[in-house]
C-alpha cells in the first residue's frame, strides 16, 4: 500500500462511518459484528503493509517511515474504535446485557432501550476514533508524497563544545 492507497483506505473508513446507525433503534448485533469484522480487516490491511515494508528496513526512506508511523497511529485509533464497538455488542446481546446491568443498575436489567442507547453512544465514540484514523491516513498520504528529507544542518555553538563526551 503506497501512500495514495492510504488515502483510499481513509475514504473507505469515512464511508463506513457514514453508514453507522444514527439512532439507538438502528443498532443491531448483526451490524455490530459486521462493523467489528470490517475494522479487523482495516487493521490487518495496515499491519500487512507496514510489516511488508519493514522486511527490508534499509530501503525505507525517511518520508515513508514518517508515513508508516502515521499509519500505525491510525491503526491505534481503529483498534480503539473496535474496542468501543465490542463494548456496544456486549450491551446489545441479551446475556451480557443482563449480567452487566444486574451489577450496576439492577432496575434496568430488562430494559433493552437503555442497552440500545448505550450501544448507540458507543457507536458515536467509535465514529470519533475512526474519523481520527482517517485524518491520520490522509496525513500519511501527504507525508509520503514529500521528497526524502535532508537532515537539518547542525549549527556549531560554544556551549555544545563544552559538553564532555561519554566513552
C-alpha atoms as a PDB file:
ATOM      1  CA  UNK A   1       0.000   0.000   0.000  1.00  0.00           C
ATOM      2  CA  UNK A   2       1.652   3.169  -1.178  1.00  0.00           C
ATOM      3  CA  UNK A   3       0.677   6.492   0.382  1.00  0.00           C
ATOM      4  CA  UNK A   4      -2.083   7.055  -2.222  1.00  0.00           C
ATOM      5  CA  UNK A   5      -3.593   3.759  -1.050  1.00  0.00           C
ATOM      6  CA  UNK A   6      -3.670   5.221   2.470  1.00  0.00           C
ATOM      7  CA  UNK A   7      -5.948   7.919   1.048  1.00  0.00           C
ATOM      8  CA  UNK A   8      -8.161   5.205  -0.435  1.00  0.00           C
ATOM      9  CA  UNK A   9      -8.354   3.448   2.909  1.00  0.00           C
ATOM     10  CA  UNK A  10      -9.163   6.762   4.595  1.00  0.00           C
ATOM     11  CA  UNK A  11     -12.054   7.242   2.142  1.00  0.00           C
ATOM     12  CA  UNK A  12     -13.340   3.714   2.816  1.00  0.00           C
ATOM     13  CA  UNK A  13     -13.219   4.351   6.562  1.00  0.00           C
ATOM     14  CA  UNK A  14     -15.088   7.635   6.083  1.00  0.00           C
ATOM     15  CA  UNK A  15     -17.757   5.899   4.009  1.00  0.00           C
ATOM     16  CA  UNK A  16     -18.020   3.158   6.622  1.00  0.00           C
ATOM     17  CA  UNK A  17     -18.523   5.709   9.409  1.00  0.00           C
ATOM     18  CA  UNK A  18     -21.249   7.404   7.358  1.00  0.00           C
ATOM     19  CA  UNK A  19     -23.169   4.107   7.402  1.00  0.00           C
ATOM     20  CA  UNK A  20     -23.115   3.806  11.200  1.00  0.00           C
ATOM     21  CA  UNK A  21     -26.577   3.804  12.800  1.00  0.00           C
ATOM     22  CA  UNK A  22     -27.865   7.260  13.639  1.00  0.00           C
ATOM     23  CA  UNK A  23     -30.261   6.216  16.394  1.00  0.00           C
ATOM     24  CA  UNK A  24     -30.429   3.583  19.102  1.00  0.00           C
ATOM     25  CA  UNK A  25     -33.306   1.880  17.268  1.00  0.00           C
ATOM     26  CA  UNK A  26     -31.000   1.218  14.300  1.00  0.00           C
ATOM     27  CA  UNK A  27     -28.366  -0.647  16.362  1.00  0.00           C
ATOM     28  CA  UNK A  28     -28.295  -4.417  15.876  1.00  0.00           C
ATOM     29  CA  UNK A  29     -25.980  -7.208  16.924  1.00  0.00           C
ATOM     30  CA  UNK A  30     -25.566  -8.361  13.315  1.00  0.00           C
ATOM     31  CA  UNK A  31     -24.459  -4.906  12.167  1.00  0.00           C
ATOM     32  CA  UNK A  32     -22.093  -4.597  15.109  1.00  0.00           C
ATOM     33  CA  UNK A  33     -20.481  -7.913  14.193  1.00  0.00           C
ATOM     34  CA  UNK A  34     -20.130  -6.805  10.567  1.00  0.00           C
ATOM     35  CA  UNK A  35     -18.610  -3.470  11.616  1.00  0.00           C
ATOM     36  CA  UNK A  36     -16.177  -5.142  14.011  1.00  0.00           C
ATOM     37  CA  UNK A  37     -15.154  -7.528  11.224  1.00  0.00           C
ATOM     38  CA  UNK A  38     -14.570  -4.618   8.856  1.00  0.00           C
ATOM     39  CA  UNK A  39     -12.380  -2.852  11.432  1.00  0.00           C
ATOM     40  CA  UNK A  40     -10.377  -6.071  11.788  1.00  0.00           C
ATOM     41  CA  UNK A  41      -9.948  -6.048   8.011  1.00  0.00           C
ATOM     42  CA  UNK A  42      -8.651  -2.453   8.079  1.00  0.00           C
ATOM     43  CA  UNK A  43      -6.190  -3.304  10.848  1.00  0.00           C
ATOM     44  CA  UNK A  44      -4.922  -6.369   9.010  1.00  0.00           C
ATOM     45  CA  UNK A  45      -4.523  -4.329   5.825  1.00  0.00           C
ATOM     46  CA  UNK A  46      -2.373  -1.713   7.572  1.00  0.00           C
ATOM     47  CA  UNK A  47      -0.364  -4.295   9.538  1.00  0.00           C
ATOM     48  CA  UNK A  48       0.471  -6.345   6.456  1.00  0.00           C
ATOM     49  CA  UNK A  49       1.654  -3.272   4.599  1.00  0.00           C
ATOM     50  CA  UNK A  50       3.826  -1.997   7.435  1.00  0.00           C
ATOM     51  CA  UNK A  51       5.282  -5.448   8.008  1.00  0.00           C
ATOM     52  CA  UNK A  52       5.995  -5.850   4.304  1.00  0.00           C
ATOM     53  CA  UNK A  53       7.734  -2.502   4.035  1.00  0.00           C
ATOM     54  CA  UNK A  54       9.959  -3.150   7.026  1.00  0.00           C
ATOM     55  CA  UNK A  55      11.070  -6.558   5.766  1.00  0.00           C
ATOM     56  CA  UNK A  56      13.964  -4.610   4.253  1.00  0.00           C
ATOM     57  CA  UNK A  57      14.245  -1.543   6.520  1.00  0.00           C
ATOM     58  CA  UNK A  58      17.263  -0.119   4.701  1.00  0.00           C
ATOM     59  CA  UNK A  59      15.090   0.520   1.647  1.00  0.00           C
ATOM     60  CA  UNK A  60      12.553   2.609   3.581  1.00  0.00           C
ATOM     61  CA  UNK A  61      13.298   6.322   3.337  1.00  0.00           C
ATOM     62  CA  UNK A  62      12.577   8.981   5.926  1.00  0.00           C
ATOM     63  CA  UNK A  63       9.390  10.244   4.266  1.00  0.00           C
ATOM     64  CA  UNK A  64       7.988   6.724   4.006  1.00  0.00           C
ATOM     65  CA  UNK A  65       8.936   5.954   7.615  1.00  0.00           C
ATOM     66  CA  UNK A  66       7.005   9.031   8.687  1.00  0.00           C
ATOM     67  CA  UNK A  67       4.016   7.937   6.610  1.00  0.00           C
ATOM     68  CA  UNK A  68       4.171   4.453   8.109  1.00  0.00           C
ATOM     69  CA  UNK A  69       4.240   5.944  11.608  1.00  0.00           C
ATOM     70  CA  UNK A  70       1.089   7.911  10.755  1.00  0.00           C
ATOM     71  CA  UNK A  71      -0.487   4.681   9.501  1.00  0.00           C
ATOM     72  CA  UNK A  72       0.449   2.969  12.782  1.00  0.00           C
ATOM     73  CA  UNK A  73      -1.227   5.796  14.712  1.00  0.00           C
ATOM     74  CA  UNK A  74      -4.302   5.349  12.515  1.00  0.00           C
ATOM     75  CA  UNK A  75      -4.279   1.634  13.329  1.00  0.00           C
ATOM     76  CA  UNK A  76      -4.259   2.513  17.020  1.00  0.00           C
ATOM     77  CA  UNK A  77      -7.377   4.665  16.550  1.00  0.00           C
ATOM     78  CA  UNK A  78      -9.066   1.864  14.600  1.00  0.00           C
ATOM     79  CA  UNK A  79      -8.281  -0.580  17.418  1.00  0.00           C
ATOM     80  CA  UNK A  80      -9.817   1.825  19.936  1.00  0.00           C
ATOM     81  CA  UNK A  81     -12.920   2.139  17.758  1.00  0.00           C
ATOM     82  CA  UNK A  82     -13.134  -1.646  17.588  1.00  0.00           C
ATOM     83  CA  UNK A  83     -12.989  -1.761  21.378  1.00  0.00           C
ATOM     84  CA  UNK A  84     -15.960   0.628  21.567  1.00  0.00           C
ATOM     85  CA  UNK A  85     -17.979  -1.461  19.119  1.00  0.00           C
ATOM     86  CA  UNK A  86     -17.139  -4.627  21.016  1.00  0.00           C
ATOM     87  CA  UNK A  87     -18.356  -2.955  24.178  1.00  0.00           C
ATOM     88  CA  UNK A  88     -21.556  -1.951  22.361  1.00  0.00           C
ATOM     89  CA  UNK A  89     -22.026  -5.566  21.334  1.00  0.00           C
ATOM     90  CA  UNK A  90     -21.989  -6.647  24.980  1.00  0.00           C
ATOM     91  CA  UNK A  91     -24.822  -4.243  25.701  1.00  0.00           C
ATOM     92  CA  UNK A  92     -26.893  -5.359  22.723  1.00  0.00           C
ATOM     93  CA  UNK A  93     -26.641  -9.092  23.282  1.00  0.00           C
ATOM     94  CA  UNK A  94     -29.104 -10.252  25.905  1.00  0.00           C
ATOM     95  CA  UNK A  95     -26.952 -12.472  28.101  1.00  0.00           C
ATOM     96  CA  UNK A  96     -24.165  -9.975  28.631  1.00  0.00           C
ATOM     97  CA  UNK A  97     -26.599  -7.082  28.873  1.00  0.00           C
ATOM     98  CA  UNK A  98     -28.395  -8.580  31.848  1.00  0.00           C
ATOM     99  CA  UNK A  99     -25.157  -9.551  33.571  1.00  0.00           C
ATOM    100  CA  UNK A 100     -23.718  -6.046  33.227  1.00  0.00           C
ATOM    101  CA  UNK A 101     -26.910  -4.290  34.237  1.00  0.00           C
ATOM    102  CA  UNK A 102     -27.503  -6.514  37.274  1.00  0.00           C
ATOM    103  CA  UNK A 103     -24.224  -5.403  38.835  1.00  0.00           C
ATOM    104  CA  UNK A 104     -24.526  -1.684  38.232  1.00  0.00           C
ATOM    105  CA  UNK A 105     -28.225  -0.940  37.670  1.00  0.00           C
ATOM    106  CA  UNK A 106     -30.457  -3.864  38.687  1.00  0.00           C
ATOM    107  CA  UNK A 107     -33.635  -1.890  37.955  1.00  0.00           C
ATOM    108  CA  UNK A 108     -32.567  -1.551  34.305  1.00  0.00           C
ATOM    109  CA  UNK A 109     -31.627  -5.203  33.735  1.00  0.00           C
ATOM    110  CA  UNK A 110     -34.571  -5.914  31.455  1.00  0.00           C
ATOM    111  CA  UNK A 111     -34.688  -2.551  29.689  1.00  0.00           C
ATOM    112  CA  UNK A 112     -33.493  -3.171  26.129  1.00  0.00           C
ATOM    113  CA  UNK A 113     -33.965   0.511  25.216  1.00  0.00           C
ATOM    114  CA  UNK A 114     -31.302   1.570  27.712  1.00  0.00           C
ATOM    115  CA  UNK A 115     -28.888  -1.005  26.305  1.00  0.00           C
ATOM    116  CA  UNK A 116     -29.584   0.229  22.780  1.00  0.00           C
ATOM    117  CA  UNK A 117     -28.953   3.838  23.881  1.00  0.00           C
ATOM    118  CA  UNK A 118     -25.620   2.823  25.388  1.00  0.00           C
ATOM    119  CA  UNK A 119     -24.712   0.928  22.214  1.00  0.00           C
ATOM    120  CA  UNK A 120     -25.561   3.992  20.105  1.00  0.00           C
ATOM    121  CA  UNK A 121     -23.255   6.093  22.302  1.00  0.00           C
ATOM    122  CA  UNK A 122     -20.515   3.516  21.793  1.00  0.00           C
ATOM    123  CA  UNK A 123     -21.061   3.775  18.030  1.00  0.00           C
ATOM    124  CA  UNK A 124     -20.581   7.542  18.256  1.00  0.00           C
ATOM    125  CA  UNK A 125     -17.358   7.090  20.239  1.00  0.00           C
ATOM    126  CA  UNK A 126     -16.148   4.598  17.620  1.00  0.00           C
ATOM    127  CA  UNK A 127     -17.041   7.038  14.836  1.00  0.00           C
ATOM    128  CA  UNK A 128     -14.931   9.728  16.507  1.00  0.00           C
ATOM    129  CA  UNK A 129     -11.950   7.351  16.671  1.00  0.00           C
ATOM    130  CA  UNK A 130     -12.391   6.323  13.044  1.00  0.00           C
ATOM    131  CA  UNK A 131     -12.510   9.936  11.909  1.00  0.00           C
ATOM    132  CA  UNK A 132      -9.176  10.452  13.682  1.00  0.00           C
ATOM    133  CA  UNK A 133      -7.808   7.358  11.931  1.00  0.00           C
ATOM    134  CA  UNK A 134      -8.979   8.704   8.587  1.00  0.00           C
ATOM    135  CA  UNK A 135      -7.216  12.021   9.231  1.00  0.00           C
ATOM    136  CA  UNK A 136      -4.028  10.126  10.167  1.00  0.00           C
ATOM    137  CA  UNK A 137      -4.149   8.111   6.962  1.00  0.00           C
ATOM    138  CA  UNK A 138      -4.657  11.274   4.924  1.00  0.00           C
ATOM    139  CA  UNK A 139      -1.704  12.789   6.767  1.00  0.00           C
ATOM    140  CA  UNK A 140       0.339   9.699   5.893  1.00  0.00           C
ATOM    141  CA  UNK A 141      -0.577  10.260   2.250  1.00  0.00           C
ATOM    142  CA  UNK A 142       0.666  13.846   2.320  1.00  0.00           C
ATOM    143  CA  UNK A 143       3.804  12.858   4.240  1.00  0.00           C
ATOM    144  CA  UNK A 144       4.634  10.051   1.840  1.00  0.00           C
ATOM    145  CA  UNK A 145       4.484  12.423  -1.130  1.00  0.00           C
ATOM    146  CA  UNK A 146       7.261  14.620   0.185  1.00  0.00           C
ATOM    147  CA  UNK A 147      10.711  14.016  -1.224  1.00  0.00           C
ATOM    148  CA  UNK A 148      13.216  12.428   1.082  1.00  0.00           C
ATOM    149  CA  UNK A 149      14.203  14.969   3.676  1.00  0.00           C
ATOM    150  CA  UNK A 150      17.790  16.016   4.098  1.00  0.00           C
ATOM    151  CA  UNK A 151      18.970  16.021   7.722  1.00  0.00           C
ATOM    152  CA  UNK A 152      18.906  19.544   9.166  1.00  0.00           C
ATOM    153  CA  UNK A 153      22.135  21.469   9.268  1.00  0.00           C
ATOM    154  CA  UNK A 154      23.519  21.471  12.802  1.00  0.00           C
ATOM    155  CA  UNK A 155      24.962  24.810  13.801  1.00  0.00           C
ATOM    156  CA  UNK A 156      28.024  24.999  15.964  1.00  0.00           C
ATOM    157  CA  UNK A 157      27.619  26.639  19.337  1.00  0.00           C
ATOM    158  CA  UNK A 158      30.173  27.236  22.071  1.00  0.00           C
ATOM    159  CA  UNK A 159      28.020  25.511  24.710  1.00  0.00           C
ATOM    160  CA  UNK A 160      27.796  22.364  22.634  1.00  0.00           C
ATOM    161  CA  UNK A 161      31.564  22.061  22.546  1.00  0.00           C
ATOM    162  CA  UNK A 162      31.937  22.191  26.332  1.00  0.00           C
ATOM    163  CA  UNK A 163      29.817  19.111  26.998  1.00  0.00           C
ATOM    164  CA  UNK A 164      32.113  16.178  27.763  1.00  0.00           C
ATOM    165  CA  UNK A 165      31.745  13.131  25.551  1.00  0.00           C
ATOM    166  CA  UNK A 166      30.991   9.848  27.350  1.00  0.00           C
ATOM    167  CA  UNK A 167      33.118   6.922  26.345  1.00  0.00           C
END
